[in-house]
């Protein structure tokens, strides 16, 4: 069938939606339609993609107002009786058309304390860990850095607080390090201050858009918040730490 599309065209100086129409057949995804429009009607349409298998995270965009991977959004799951809108992610600066500048995310990642393992505990220079401890952090490592969770986060999307909040993707990255059974680094102070974890109000919008179905809020952000509370806001913990410091030589 012939389906109508409204695709945002423009750059950092401005732009607007332009209307296109293309044939949609069974099994097509949104990226297929965009490629067809690019091939037949708009050769200069800028669109970032790579694997077309939902693993590279490149083709992130907003389809009918929802952050999605275009290669994993089936046309059959969309209402085809009205135009399908496709626009770039709103949390990041526009480069051209559907492409945004996500380089801020990589700069943020460099600010997080790196993995610092404890000394090896076996004669052969390796470590011994429990499988259940590894299972806990393995979920976080499924992230493909599509940055859809960053895009839907209202702190970044609506309030543009990129200078004070690292966003759900990097709270999960920090959780993968903090909860690793070998890691000895302490990132709690940075989570509270430089990384702005207090700005997250756990609405779970990031969890809802994650294509890897990572439980970002429940399994990552909330446990990190609990660590911050234990460290800085628990009066009994404060008394215990104060007494411990006084007893130390």
Protein backbone atom coordinates (compact mmCIF):
# COMPACT_ATOMS: atom_id res chain seq x y z
CA UNK A 1 0.00 0.00 0.00
CA UNK A 2 1.01 3.62 -0.46
CA UNK A 3 1.89 5.27 2.86
CA UNK A 4 2.37 8.95 3.62
CA UNK A 5 5.41 10.18 5.56
CA UNK A 6 6.36 13.49 7.14
CA UNK A 7 10.13 13.64 7.53
CA UNK A 8 11.95 16.51 9.22
CA UNK A 9 14.45 18.17 6.88
CA UNK A 10 16.90 20.83 7.92
CA UNK A 11 20.00 21.57 9.98
CA UNK A 12 21.08 23.51 13.06
CA UNK A 13 19.81 26.76 11.58
CA UNK A 14 16.26 25.45 11.18
CA UNK A 15 14.04 23.22 9.09
CA UNK A 16 10.56 21.78 8.62
CA UNK A 17 8.65 18.60 7.87
CA UNK A 18 8.37 17.58 4.25
CA UNK A 19 5.83 15.13 2.91
CA UNK A 20 6.69 11.98 0.98
CA UNK A 21 4.82 8.87 -0.10
CA UNK A 22 6.18 5.42 -0.83
CA UNK A 23 5.00 1.86 -1.30
CA UNK A 24 5.12 -0.31 1.82
CA UNK A 25 5.12 -4.08 1.58
CA UNK A 26 4.91 -6.87 4.14
CA UNK A 27 7.89 -7.12 6.50
CA UNK A 28 9.20 -3.61 5.95
CA UNK A 29 10.59 -1.51 8.78
CA UNK A 30 10.73 2.28 8.99
CA UNK A 31 14.36 2.33 7.87
CA UNK A 32 13.39 0.47 4.68
CA UNK A 33 10.86 3.18 3.88
CA UNK A 34 13.37 5.94 4.61
CA UNK A 35 15.89 4.28 2.30
CA UNK A 36 13.27 3.99 -0.44
CA UNK A 37 12.40 7.69 -0.11
CA UNK A 38 16.10 8.51 -0.10
CA UNK A 39 16.66 6.44 -3.24
CA UNK A 40 13.71 7.67 -5.27
CA UNK A 41 12.74 11.13 -4.05
CA UNK A 42 15.30 12.72 -1.72
CA UNK A 43 18.87 11.75 -2.56
CA UNK A 44 20.23 14.32 -0.10
CA UNK A 45 18.23 13.02 2.90
CA UNK A 46 20.72 12.49 5.74
CA UNK A 47 20.14 9.36 7.80
CA UNK A 48 22.59 7.50 10.03
CA UNK A 49 22.53 3.69 10.05
CA UNK A 50 24.89 0.74 9.97
CA UNK A 51 23.88 -2.83 10.85
CA UNK A 52 20.10 -2.78 10.21
CA UNK A 53 19.85 -5.49 12.87
CA UNK A 54 19.18 -3.52 16.06
CA UNK A 55 22.72 -3.92 17.39
CA UNK A 56 24.69 -0.84 16.37
CA UNK A 57 22.31 1.81 17.75
CA UNK A 58 22.98 4.15 14.82
CA UNK A 59 19.48 4.67 13.38
CA UNK A 60 17.89 6.24 16.45
CA UNK A 61 15.12 8.72 15.65
CA UNK A 62 11.65 9.70 16.79
CA UNK A 63 8.84 7.90 15.01
CA UNK A 64 5.40 9.34 15.67
CA UNK A 65 6.90 11.16 18.63
CA UNK A 66 8.48 8.09 20.25
CA UNK A 67 12.26 7.45 20.39
CA UNK A 68 12.88 4.25 18.42
CA UNK A 69 15.40 2.37 16.33
CA UNK A 70 14.12 2.76 12.77
CA UNK A 71 15.48 -0.65 11.81
CA UNK A 72 13.47 -2.37 14.55
CA UNK A 73 10.19 -0.48 14.08
CA UNK A 74 7.92 -2.49 11.82
CA UNK A 75 5.58 -0.61 9.54
CA UNK A 76 2.85 -3.11 10.40
CA UNK A 77 2.95 -1.90 14.02
CA UNK A 78 2.19 1.70 13.03
CA UNK A 79 -1.14 3.32 12.09
CA UNK A 80 -0.82 3.57 8.31
CA UNK A 81 -4.06 5.49 7.77
CA UNK A 82 -2.31 8.76 8.64
CA UNK A 83 1.17 10.17 7.90
CA UNK A 84 4.10 8.62 9.74
CA UNK A 85 6.27 11.37 11.25
CA UNK A 86 10.02 10.84 11.49
CA UNK A 87 12.27 13.39 13.15
CA UNK A 88 15.70 13.53 14.82
CA UNK A 89 16.25 12.98 18.54
CA UNK A 90 15.40 16.13 20.48
CA UNK A 91 17.91 15.84 23.31
CA UNK A 92 20.93 16.49 21.06
CA UNK A 93 21.98 19.19 18.56
CA UNK A 94 20.86 18.63 14.97
CA UNK A 95 23.53 18.11 12.33
CA UNK A 96 21.29 17.53 9.32
CA UNK A 97 17.86 15.99 8.76
CA UNK A 98 17.65 12.85 10.94
CA UNK A 99 21.24 13.02 12.18
CA UNK A 100 22.10 14.51 15.57
CA UNK A 101 25.43 15.21 17.24
CA UNK A 102 25.74 12.67 20.06
CA UNK A 103 29.42 13.35 20.80
CA UNK A 104 28.49 14.80 24.21
CA UNK A 105 27.76 11.25 25.37
CA UNK A 106 31.29 10.09 24.68
CA UNK A 107 32.75 13.05 26.54
CA UNK A 108 30.58 12.21 29.54
CA UNK A 109 31.76 8.59 29.49
CA UNK A 110 35.37 9.72 29.83
CA UNK A 111 34.54 11.53 33.11
CA UNK A 112 33.37 8.39 34.91
CA UNK A 113 36.02 6.64 37.03
CA UNK A 114 37.35 3.60 35.24
CA UNK A 115 37.26 -0.02 36.35
CA UNK A 116 39.73 -0.64 39.20
CA UNK A 117 39.99 -4.33 40.09
CA UNK A 118 41.25 -5.70 43.38
CA UNK A 119 44.50 -7.70 43.31
CA UNK A 120 44.24 -11.23 41.88
CA UNK A 121 43.29 -13.84 44.47
CA UNK A 122 44.60 -16.95 42.75
CA UNK A 123 48.18 -18.20 42.29
CA UNK A 124 47.86 -17.96 38.51
CA UNK A 125 47.14 -14.23 38.67
CA UNK A 126 43.39 -14.47 38.04
CA UNK A 127 40.28 -13.86 40.13
CA UNK A 128 37.50 -16.03 41.52
CA UNK A 129 33.91 -14.72 41.36
CA UNK A 130 30.44 -16.06 41.97
CA UNK A 131 28.29 -16.46 38.86
CA UNK A 132 25.35 -14.70 40.50
CA UNK A 133 27.49 -11.59 41.01
CA UNK A 134 28.41 -11.57 37.32
CA UNK A 135 24.79 -12.11 36.26
CA UNK A 136 23.82 -8.91 38.05
CA UNK A 137 26.02 -6.63 35.92
CA UNK A 138 25.80 -8.60 32.68
CA UNK A 139 22.39 -7.08 31.93
CA UNK A 140 23.88 -3.57 31.81
CA UNK A 141 26.49 -4.62 29.27
CA UNK A 142 23.80 -5.33 26.68
CA UNK A 143 23.58 -1.58 26.03
CA UNK A 144 24.19 -0.71 22.35
CA UNK A 145 24.49 3.03 23.04
CA UNK A 146 21.59 4.02 20.82
CA UNK A 147 20.98 6.86 23.32
CA UNK A 148 17.20 6.49 23.11
CA UNK A 149 17.10 6.50 26.92
CA UNK A 150 19.07 9.76 26.89
CA UNK A 151 16.66 11.22 24.34
CA UNK A 152 13.49 10.39 26.28
CA UNK A 153 14.88 11.54 29.64
CA UNK A 154 13.07 14.78 30.48
CA UNK A 155 16.10 16.16 32.35
CA UNK A 156 18.08 16.16 29.10
CA UNK A 157 15.23 16.45 26.58
CA UNK A 158 13.15 19.21 28.16
CA UNK A 159 15.49 20.93 30.59
CA UNK A 160 18.75 20.53 28.62
CA UNK A 161 20.75 19.93 31.82
CA UNK A 162 23.65 18.28 30.02
CA UNK A 163 26.13 20.15 32.21
CA UNK A 164 24.72 18.70 35.45
CA UNK A 165 23.28 15.27 34.60
CA UNK A 166 24.91 12.34 32.81
CA UNK A 167 21.62 10.62 31.88
CA UNK A 168 20.34 7.06 32.24
CA UNK A 169 22.79 5.49 29.80
CA UNK A 170 25.77 6.53 31.92
CA UNK A 171 24.10 5.85 35.23
CA UNK A 172 23.79 2.30 33.92
CA UNK A 173 27.44 2.39 32.85
CA UNK A 174 28.38 3.51 36.36
CA UNK A 175 26.18 0.76 37.83
CA UNK A 176 27.97 -1.87 35.74
CA UNK A 177 31.24 -0.72 37.32
CA UNK A 178 29.98 -0.10 40.86
CA UNK A 179 28.28 -3.50 41.11
CA UNK A 180 31.12 -5.48 39.56
CA UNK A 181 32.45 -7.97 42.14
CA UNK A 182 36.09 -7.06 41.38
CA UNK A 183 35.81 -3.27 41.30
CA UNK A 184 37.28 -1.31 44.22
CA UNK A 185 36.68 2.25 43.02
CA UNK A 186 34.15 4.49 44.80
CA UNK A 187 31.97 6.65 42.52
CA UNK A 188 29.24 7.55 45.02
CA UNK A 189 30.37 11.13 45.61
CA UNK A 190 30.58 11.80 41.88
CA UNK A 191 27.12 10.28 41.31
CA UNK A 192 25.68 12.72 43.85
CA UNK A 193 27.56 15.81 42.73
CA UNK A 194 29.13 15.88 39.25
CA UNK A 195 26.86 13.24 37.71
CA UNK A 196 23.60 14.59 39.14
CA UNK A 197 21.80 11.35 40.00
CA UNK A 198 19.44 13.32 42.23
CA UNK A 199 17.82 14.90 39.17
CA UNK A 200 16.41 11.51 38.10
CA UNK A 201 12.87 11.09 39.42
CA UNK A 202 12.61 7.44 38.30
CA UNK A 203 9.67 7.81 35.89
CA UNK A 204 10.97 4.73 34.01
CA UNK A 205 10.61 6.39 30.61
CA UNK A 206 14.17 5.31 29.84
CA UNK A 207 13.33 1.68 30.60
CA UNK A 208 10.30 1.79 28.31
CA UNK A 209 12.26 2.80 25.21
CA UNK A 210 15.30 0.54 25.68
CA UNK A 211 15.53 -1.82 22.67
CA UNK A 212 17.60 -4.28 24.73
CA UNK A 213 14.93 -4.33 27.47
CA UNK A 214 17.41 -3.41 30.18
CA UNK A 215 15.70 -2.66 33.50
CA UNK A 216 17.51 0.66 33.70
CA UNK A 217 15.52 2.15 36.56
CA UNK A 218 14.81 -0.80 38.84
CA UNK A 219 18.09 -2.67 38.50
CA UNK A 220 20.52 0.19 37.95
CA UNK A 221 19.45 3.70 38.94
CA UNK A 222 17.49 2.89 42.10
CA UNK A 223 20.32 0.80 43.64
CA UNK A 224 22.74 3.64 42.85
CA UNK A 225 20.41 6.14 44.50
CA UNK A 226 20.30 3.89 47.57
CA UNK A 227 24.09 3.93 47.75
CA UNK A 228 24.10 7.72 47.63
CA UNK A 229 21.46 7.90 50.39
CA UNK A 230 23.37 5.42 52.56
CA UNK A 231 26.59 7.40 52.12
CA UNK A 232 25.32 10.95 52.58
CA UNK A 233 21.86 10.98 54.16
CA UNK A 234 21.63 8.02 56.56
CA UNK A 235 22.20 9.43 60.09
CA UNK A 236 23.09 6.04 61.56
CA UNK A 237 25.59 5.45 58.82
CA UNK A 238 27.09 8.88 59.43
CA UNK A 239 27.48 8.15 63.16
CA UNK A 240 29.07 4.76 62.41
CA UNK A 241 31.57 6.24 59.95
CA UNK A 242 32.40 9.12 62.31
CA UNK A 243 33.02 6.72 65.18
CA UNK A 244 35.12 4.48 62.96
CA UNK A 245 37.32 7.38 61.90
CA UNK A 246 37.86 8.40 65.51
CA UNK A 247 38.94 4.89 66.47
CA UNK A 248 41.44 4.66 63.62
CA UNK A 249 45.05 5.48 64.59
